[in-house]
Each structure stands twice: as structure tokens, then as C-alpha cells.
Amino acid sequence: MTPELLNNYIIEYNKALENGEITKEEYVELLKGINIMEGIADDADGLALKAQLNVMINAAISAASLMV
């Protein structure tokens, strides 16, 4: 799975959360799933981008955890 595809998943999950299509808990679980997929799909070309993506995922999980 490419970093670009993983990023697209994040964008879709963000939209679904904003539109009320998924709960905060579902959102966090989906992001955790991306973290797992990201780790499985490592290759030399995408490591730097994946590191940035990991930061974004963790920030999104933290932000979602603060939502009321």
C-alpha cells in the first residue's frame, strides 16, 4: 500500500467523521488500522513519507480522543 493511498484513507475517514457517518471510536479504530497497514507496507522509497503520515495519524488520534 502506497503512502498516497494511506493518506487518501485518512482524508476519507476525516470526512466521514465530520459528516457524522462514523463515531469518534470508529474513527480512532480506523486510524489505528492505517497504522498497522503502514507498518506492513514499508519500502525504501516511502519511509520518509510514511514517517510524516505516522505523525499525522497520531495527531488525528490524539485530537479525536479530546473530542467530547
PDB file of N, CA and C in Angstrom:
ATOM      1  N   MET A   1       0.848  -1.165   0.000  1.00  0.00           N
ATOM      2  CA  MET A   1       0.000   0.000   0.000  1.00  0.00           C
ATOM      3  C   MET A   1       0.897   1.233   0.000  1.00  0.00           C
ATOM      4  N   THR A   2       0.618   2.169  -0.885  1.00  0.00           N
ATOM      5  CA  THR A   2       1.455   3.359  -1.001  1.00  0.00           C
ATOM      6  C   THR A   2       1.095   4.400   0.061  1.00  0.00           C
ATOM      7  N   PRO A   3       2.047   5.271   0.371  1.00  0.00           N
ATOM      8  CA  PRO A   3       1.738   6.358   1.319  1.00  0.00           C
ATOM      9  C   PRO A   3       0.594   7.233   0.827  1.00  0.00           C
ATOM     10  N   GLU A   4       0.517   7.437  -0.477  1.00  0.00           N
ATOM     11  CA  GLU A   4      -0.560   8.255  -1.029  1.00  0.00           C
ATOM     12  C   GLU A   4      -1.918   7.615  -0.769  1.00  0.00           C
ATOM     13  N   LEU A   5      -2.012   6.308  -0.915  1.00  0.00           N
ATOM     14  CA  LEU A   5      -3.259   5.606  -0.665  1.00  0.00           C
ATOM     15  C   LEU A   5      -3.627   5.674   0.812  1.00  0.00           C
ATOM     16  N   LEU A   6      -2.644   5.503   1.669  1.00  0.00           N
ATOM     17  CA  LEU A   6      -2.896   5.617   3.102  1.00  0.00           C
ATOM     18  C   LEU A   6      -3.397   7.016   3.457  1.00  0.00           C
ATOM     19  N   ASN A   7      -2.798   8.039   2.841  1.00  0.00           N
ATOM     20  CA  ASN A   7      -3.235   9.413   3.079  1.00  0.00           C
ATOM     21  C   ASN A   7      -4.674   9.606   2.603  1.00  0.00           C
ATOM     22  N   ASN A   8      -5.025   8.999   1.480  1.00  0.00           N
ATOM     23  CA  ASN A   8      -6.404   9.088   0.985  1.00  0.00           C
ATOM     24  C   ASN A   8      -7.390   8.482   1.979  1.00  0.00           C
ATOM     25  N   TYR A   9      -7.007   7.389   2.613  1.00  0.00           N
ATOM     26  CA  TYR A   9      -7.862   6.794   3.639  1.00  0.00           C
ATOM     27  C   TYR A   9      -8.096   7.782   4.782  1.00  0.00           C
ATOM     28  N   ILE A  10      -7.026   8.456   5.215  1.00  0.00           N
ATOM     29  CA  ILE A  10      -7.157   9.426   6.298  1.00  0.00           C
ATOM     30  C   ILE A  10      -8.144  10.520   5.915  1.00  0.00           C
ATOM     31  N   ILE A  11      -8.013  11.025   4.701  1.00  0.00           N
ATOM     32  CA  ILE A  11      -8.910  12.081   4.234  1.00  0.00           C
ATOM     33  C   ILE A  11     -10.355  11.601   4.246  1.00  0.00           C
ATOM     34  N   GLU A  12     -10.597  10.396   3.757  1.00  0.00           N
ATOM     35  CA  GLU A  12     -11.953   9.840   3.732  1.00  0.00           C
ATOM     36  C   GLU A  12     -12.499   9.643   5.142  1.00  0.00           C
ATOM     37  N   TYR A  13     -11.657   9.156   6.046  1.00  0.00           N
ATOM     38  CA  TYR A  13     -12.100   8.952   7.424  1.00  0.00           C
ATOM     39  C   TYR A  13     -12.417  10.284   8.092  1.00  0.00           C
ATOM     40  N   ASN A  14     -11.601  11.312   7.816  1.00  0.00           N
ATOM     41  CA  ASN A  14     -11.872  12.638   8.371  1.00  0.00           C
ATOM     42  C   ASN A  14     -13.225  13.154   7.889  1.00  0.00           C
ATOM     43  N   LYS A  15     -13.505  12.997   6.598  1.00  0.00           N
ATOM     44  CA  LYS A  15     -14.785  13.451   6.039  1.00  0.00           C
ATOM     45  C   LYS A  15     -15.950  12.691   6.681  1.00  0.00           C
ATOM     46  N   ALA A  16     -15.782  11.388   6.847  1.00  0.00           N
ATOM     47  CA  ALA A  16     -16.847  10.576   7.438  1.00  0.00           C
ATOM     48  C   ALA A  16     -17.124  11.012   8.870  1.00  0.00           C
ATOM     49  N   LEU A  17     -16.081  11.315   9.621  1.00  0.00           N
ATOM     50  CA  LEU A  17     -16.265  11.778  10.995  1.00  0.00           C
ATOM     51  C   LEU A  17     -16.960  13.131  11.021  1.00  0.00           C
ATOM     52  N   GLU A  18     -16.500  14.042  10.169  1.00  0.00           N
ATOM     53  CA  GLU A  18     -17.101  15.378  10.113  1.00  0.00           C
ATOM     54  C   GLU A  18     -18.570  15.324   9.712  1.00  0.00           C
ATOM     55  N   ASN A  19     -18.927  14.388   8.840  1.00  0.00           N
ATOM     56  CA  ASN A  19     -20.306  14.260   8.367  1.00  0.00           C
ATOM     57  C   ASN A  19     -21.177  13.421   9.297  1.00  0.00           C
ATOM     58  N   GLY A  20     -20.598  12.932  10.386  1.00  0.00           N
ATOM     59  CA  GLY A  20     -21.361  12.129  11.332  1.00  0.00           C
ATOM     60  C   GLY A  20     -21.658  10.715  10.844  1.00  0.00           C
ATOM     61  N   GLU A  21     -20.913  10.271   9.847  1.00  0.00           N
ATOM     62  CA  GLU A  21     -21.128   8.929   9.293  1.00  0.00           C
ATOM     63  C   GLU A  21     -20.483   7.838  10.144  1.00  0.00           C
ATOM     64  N   ILE A  22     -19.479   8.223  10.936  1.00  0.00           N
ATOM     65  CA  ILE A  22     -18.832   7.287  11.854  1.00  0.00           C
ATOM     66  C   ILE A  22     -18.672   7.981  13.207  1.00  0.00           C
ATOM     67  N   THR A  23     -18.559   7.173  14.252  1.00  0.00           N
ATOM     68  CA  THR A  23     -18.353   7.715  15.588  1.00  0.00           C
ATOM     69  C   THR A  23     -16.877   8.010  15.812  1.00  0.00           C
ATOM     70  N   LYS A  24     -16.600   8.741  16.889  1.00  0.00           N
ATOM     71  CA  LYS A  24     -15.217   9.027  17.249  1.00  0.00           C
ATOM     72  C   LYS A  24     -14.449   7.730  17.491  1.00  0.00           C
ATOM     73  N   GLU A  25     -15.101   6.768  18.128  1.00  0.00           N
ATOM     74  CA  GLU A  25     -14.455   5.493  18.422  1.00  0.00           C
ATOM     75  C   GLU A  25     -14.128   4.734  17.136  1.00  0.00           C
ATOM     76  N   GLU A  26     -15.075   4.740  16.186  1.00  0.00           N
ATOM     77  CA  GLU A  26     -14.822   4.085  14.900  1.00  0.00           C
ATOM     78  C   GLU A  26     -13.675   4.769  14.167  1.00  0.00           C
ATOM     79  N   TYR A  27     -13.652   6.085  14.234  1.00  0.00           N
ATOM     80  CA  TYR A  27     -12.598   6.869  13.588  1.00  0.00           C
ATOM     81  C   TYR A  27     -11.227   6.476  14.135  1.00  0.00           C
ATOM     82  N   VAL A  28     -11.107   6.422  15.461  1.00  0.00           N
ATOM     83  CA  VAL A  28      -9.832   6.068  16.079  1.00  0.00           C
ATOM     84  C   VAL A  28      -9.418   4.658  15.667  1.00  0.00           C
ATOM     85  N   GLU A  29     -10.349   3.722  15.657  1.00  0.00           N
ATOM     86  CA  GLU A  29     -10.027   2.348  15.257  1.00  0.00           C
ATOM     87  C   GLU A  29      -9.580   2.279  13.796  1.00  0.00           C
ATOM     88  N   LEU A  30     -10.241   3.049  12.929  1.00  0.00           N
ATOM     89  CA  LEU A  30      -9.837   3.079  11.522  1.00  0.00           C
ATOM     90  C   LEU A  30      -8.422   3.636  11.374  1.00  0.00           C
ATOM     91  N   LEU A  31      -8.108   4.682  12.119  1.00  0.00           N
ATOM     92  CA  LEU A  31      -6.760   5.251  12.052  1.00  0.00           C
ATOM     93  C   LEU A  31      -5.723   4.275  12.591  1.00  0.00           C
ATOM     94  N   LYS A  32      -6.066   3.553  13.627  1.00  0.00           N
ATOM     95  CA  LYS A  32      -5.143   2.538  14.143  1.00  0.00           C
ATOM     96  C   LYS A  32      -4.905   1.461  13.096  1.00  0.00           C
ATOM     97  N   GLY A  33      -5.949   1.126  12.339  1.00  0.00           N
ATOM     98  CA  GLY A  33      -5.808   0.152  11.256  1.00  0.00           C
ATOM     99  C   GLY A  33      -4.858   0.646  10.176  1.00  0.00           C
ATOM    100  N   ILE A  34      -4.906   1.945   9.892  1.00  0.00           N
ATOM    101  CA  ILE A  34      -3.974   2.518   8.916  1.00  0.00           C
ATOM    102  C   ILE A  34      -2.554   2.383   9.431  1.00  0.00           C
ATOM    103  N   ASN A  35      -2.347   2.628  10.712  1.00  0.00           N
ATOM    104  CA  ASN A  35      -1.008   2.474  11.288  1.00  0.00           C
ATOM    105  C   ASN A  35      -0.487   1.056  11.075  1.00  0.00           C
ATOM    106  N   ILE A  36      -1.345   0.076  11.242  1.00  0.00           N
ATOM    107  CA  ILE A  36      -0.948  -1.324  11.038  1.00  0.00           C
ATOM    108  C   ILE A  36      -0.621  -1.563   9.568  1.00  0.00           C
ATOM    109  N   MET A  37      -1.492  -1.085   8.659  1.00  0.00           N
ATOM    110  CA  MET A  37      -1.245  -1.263   7.220  1.00  0.00           C
ATOM    111  C   MET A  37       0.040  -0.576   6.808  1.00  0.00           C
ATOM    112  N   GLU A  38       0.297   0.590   7.373  1.00  0.00           N
ATOM    113  CA  GLU A  38       1.501   1.341   7.044  1.00  0.00           C
ATOM    114  C   GLU A  38       2.748   0.553   7.414  1.00  0.00           C
ATOM    115  N   GLY A  39       2.734  -0.063   8.575  1.00  0.00           N
ATOM    116  CA  GLY A  39       3.887  -0.840   9.014  1.00  0.00           C
ATOM    117  C   GLY A  39       4.136  -2.051   8.151  1.00  0.00           C
ATOM    118  N   ILE A  40       3.084  -2.656   7.648  1.00  0.00           N
ATOM    119  CA  ILE A  40       3.216  -3.836   6.797  1.00  0.00           C
ATOM    120  C   ILE A  40       3.774  -3.479   5.432  1.00  0.00           C
ATOM    121  N   ALA A  41       3.438  -2.290   4.936  1.00  0.00           N
ATOM    122  CA  ALA A  41       3.754  -1.911   3.561  1.00  0.00           C
ATOM    123  C   ALA A  41       5.037  -1.098   3.430  1.00  0.00           C
ATOM    124  N   ASP A  42       5.985  -1.255   4.326  1.00  0.00           N
ATOM    125  CA  ASP A  42       7.220  -0.480   4.268  1.00  0.00           C
ATOM    126  C   ASP A  42       8.057  -0.833   3.050  1.00  0.00           C
ATOM    127  N   ASP A  43       8.610   0.200   2.403  1.00  0.00           N
ATOM    128  CA  ASP A  43       9.619   0.037   1.376  1.00  0.00           C
ATOM    129  C   ASP A  43      10.550   1.242   1.452  1.00  0.00           C
ATOM    130  N   ALA A  44      11.702   1.136   0.849  1.00  0.00           N
ATOM    131  CA  ALA A  44      12.724   2.170   0.984  1.00  0.00           C
ATOM    132  C   ALA A  44      12.256   3.524   0.459  1.00  0.00           C
ATOM    133  N   ASP A  45      11.504   3.552  -0.621  1.00  0.00           N
ATOM    134  CA  ASP A  45      11.087   4.813  -1.232  1.00  0.00           C
ATOM    135  C   ASP A  45      10.097   5.587  -0.380  1.00  0.00           C
ATOM    136  N   GLY A  46       9.280   4.905   0.392  1.00  0.00           N
ATOM    137  CA  GLY A  46       8.217   5.588   1.104  1.00  0.00           C
ATOM    138  C   GLY A  46       8.458   5.830   2.576  1.00  0.00           C
ATOM    139  N   LEU A  47       9.628   5.492   3.097  1.00  0.00           N
ATOM    140  CA  LEU A  47       9.837   5.576   4.543  1.00  0.00           C
ATOM    141  C   LEU A  47       9.698   6.997   5.091  1.00  0.00           C
ATOM    142  N   ALA A  48      10.266   7.993   4.423  1.00  0.00           N
ATOM    143  CA  ALA A  48      10.171   9.373   4.921  1.00  0.00           C
ATOM    144  C   ALA A  48       8.732   9.854   4.896  1.00  0.00           C
ATOM    145  N   LEU A  49       8.022   9.580   3.814  1.00  0.00           N
ATOM    146  CA  LEU A  49       6.629   9.991   3.711  1.00  0.00           C
ATOM    147  C   LEU A  49       5.783   9.254   4.741  1.00  0.00           C
ATOM    148  N   LYS A  50       6.079   7.988   4.961  1.00  0.00           N
ATOM    149  CA  LYS A  50       5.334   7.220   5.946  1.00  0.00           C
ATOM    150  C   LYS A  50       5.583   7.739   7.359  1.00  0.00           C
ATOM    151  N   ALA A  51       6.770   8.230   7.617  1.00  0.00           N
ATOM    152  CA  ALA A  51       7.049   8.808   8.933  1.00  0.00           C
ATOM    153  C   ALA A  51       6.181  10.046   9.152  1.00  0.00           C
ATOM    154  N   GLN A  52       6.062  10.870   8.119  1.00  0.00           N
ATOM    155  CA  GLN A  52       5.197  12.048   8.208  1.00  0.00           C
ATOM    156  C   GLN A  52       3.746  11.628   8.377  1.00  0.00           C
ATOM    157  N   LEU A  53       3.336  10.617   7.641  1.00  0.00           N
ATOM    158  CA  LEU A  53       1.975  10.109   7.729  1.00  0.00           C
ATOM    159  C   LEU A  53       1.693   9.589   9.130  1.00  0.00           C
ATOM    160  N   ASN A  54       2.656   8.927   9.724  1.00  0.00           N
ATOM    161  CA  ASN A  54       2.500   8.412  11.080  1.00  0.00           C
ATOM    162  C   ASN A  54       2.261   9.545  12.069  1.00  0.00           C
ATOM    163  N   VAL A  55       2.985  10.651  11.898  1.00  0.00           N
ATOM    164  CA  VAL A  55       2.785  11.814  12.756  1.00  0.00           C
ATOM    165  C   VAL A  55       1.365  12.343  12.597  1.00  0.00           C
ATOM    166  N   MET A  56       0.890  12.414  11.356  1.00  0.00           N
ATOM    167  CA  MET A  56      -0.462  12.892  11.088  1.00  0.00           C
ATOM    168  C   MET A  56      -1.505  11.979  11.721  1.00  0.00           C
ATOM    169  N   ILE A  57      -1.313  10.672  11.594  1.00  0.00           N
ATOM    170  CA  ILE A  57      -2.258   9.703  12.160  1.00  0.00           C
ATOM    171  C   ILE A  57      -2.304   9.852  13.676  1.00  0.00           C
ATOM    172  N   ASN A  58      -1.140   9.921  14.300  1.00  0.00           N
ATOM    173  CA  ASN A  58      -1.102  10.037  15.756  1.00  0.00           C
ATOM    174  C   ASN A  58      -1.725  11.347  16.220  1.00  0.00           C
ATOM    175  N   ALA A  59      -1.510  12.427  15.472  1.00  0.00           N
ATOM    176  CA  ALA A  59      -2.119  13.711  15.826  1.00  0.00           C
ATOM    177  C   ALA A  59      -3.639  13.620  15.690  1.00  0.00           C
ATOM    178  N   ALA A  60      -4.117  12.964  14.640  1.00  0.00           N
ATOM    179  CA  ALA A  60      -5.558  12.821  14.454  1.00  0.00           C
ATOM    180  C   ALA A  60      -6.187  11.971  15.551  1.00  0.00           C
ATOM    181  N   ILE A  61      -5.498  10.908  15.952  1.00  0.00           N
ATOM    182  CA  ILE A  61      -5.989  10.075  17.052  1.00  0.00           C
ATOM    183  C   ILE A  61      -6.042  10.887  18.350  1.00  0.00           C
ATOM    184  N   SER A  62      -5.007  11.658  18.601  1.00  0.00           N
ATOM    185  CA  SER A  62      -4.993  12.486  19.806  1.00  0.00           C
ATOM    186  C   SER A  62      -6.116  13.514  19.780  1.00  0.00           C
ATOM    187  N   ALA A  63      -6.313  14.146  18.632  1.00  0.00           N
ATOM    188  CA  ALA A  63      -7.381  15.142  18.516  1.00  0.00           C
ATOM    189  C   ALA A  63      -8.752  14.500  18.703  1.00  0.00           C
ATOM    190  N   ALA A  64      -8.941  13.325  18.125  1.00  0.00           N
ATOM    191  CA  ALA A  64     -10.219  12.630  18.252  1.00  0.00           C
ATOM    192  C   ALA A  64     -10.462  12.232  19.702  1.00  0.00           C
ATOM    193  N   SER A  65      -9.413  11.883  20.396  1.00  0.00           N
ATOM    194  CA  SER A  65      -9.557  11.485  21.792  1.00  0.00           C
ATOM    195  C   SER A  65     -10.000  12.635  22.673  1.00  0.00           C
ATOM    196  N   LEU A  66      -9.719  13.873  22.242  1.00  0.00           N
ATOM    197  CA  LEU A  66     -10.092  15.052  23.016  1.00  0.00           C
ATOM    198  C   LEU A  66     -11.507  15.528  22.706  1.00  0.00           C
ATOM    199  N   MET A  67     -12.097  15.004  21.633  1.00  0.00           N
ATOM    200  CA  MET A  67     -13.436  15.419  21.246  1.00  0.00           C
ATOM    201  C   MET A  67     -14.450  14.958  22.288  1.00  0.00           C
ATOM    202  N   VAL A  68     -15.443  15.767  22.505  1.00  0.00           N
ATOM    203  CA  VAL A  68     -16.470  15.447  23.504  1.00  0.00           C
ATOM    204  C   VAL A  68     -17.611  14.725  22.842  1.00  0.00           C
TER     205      VAL A  68
END
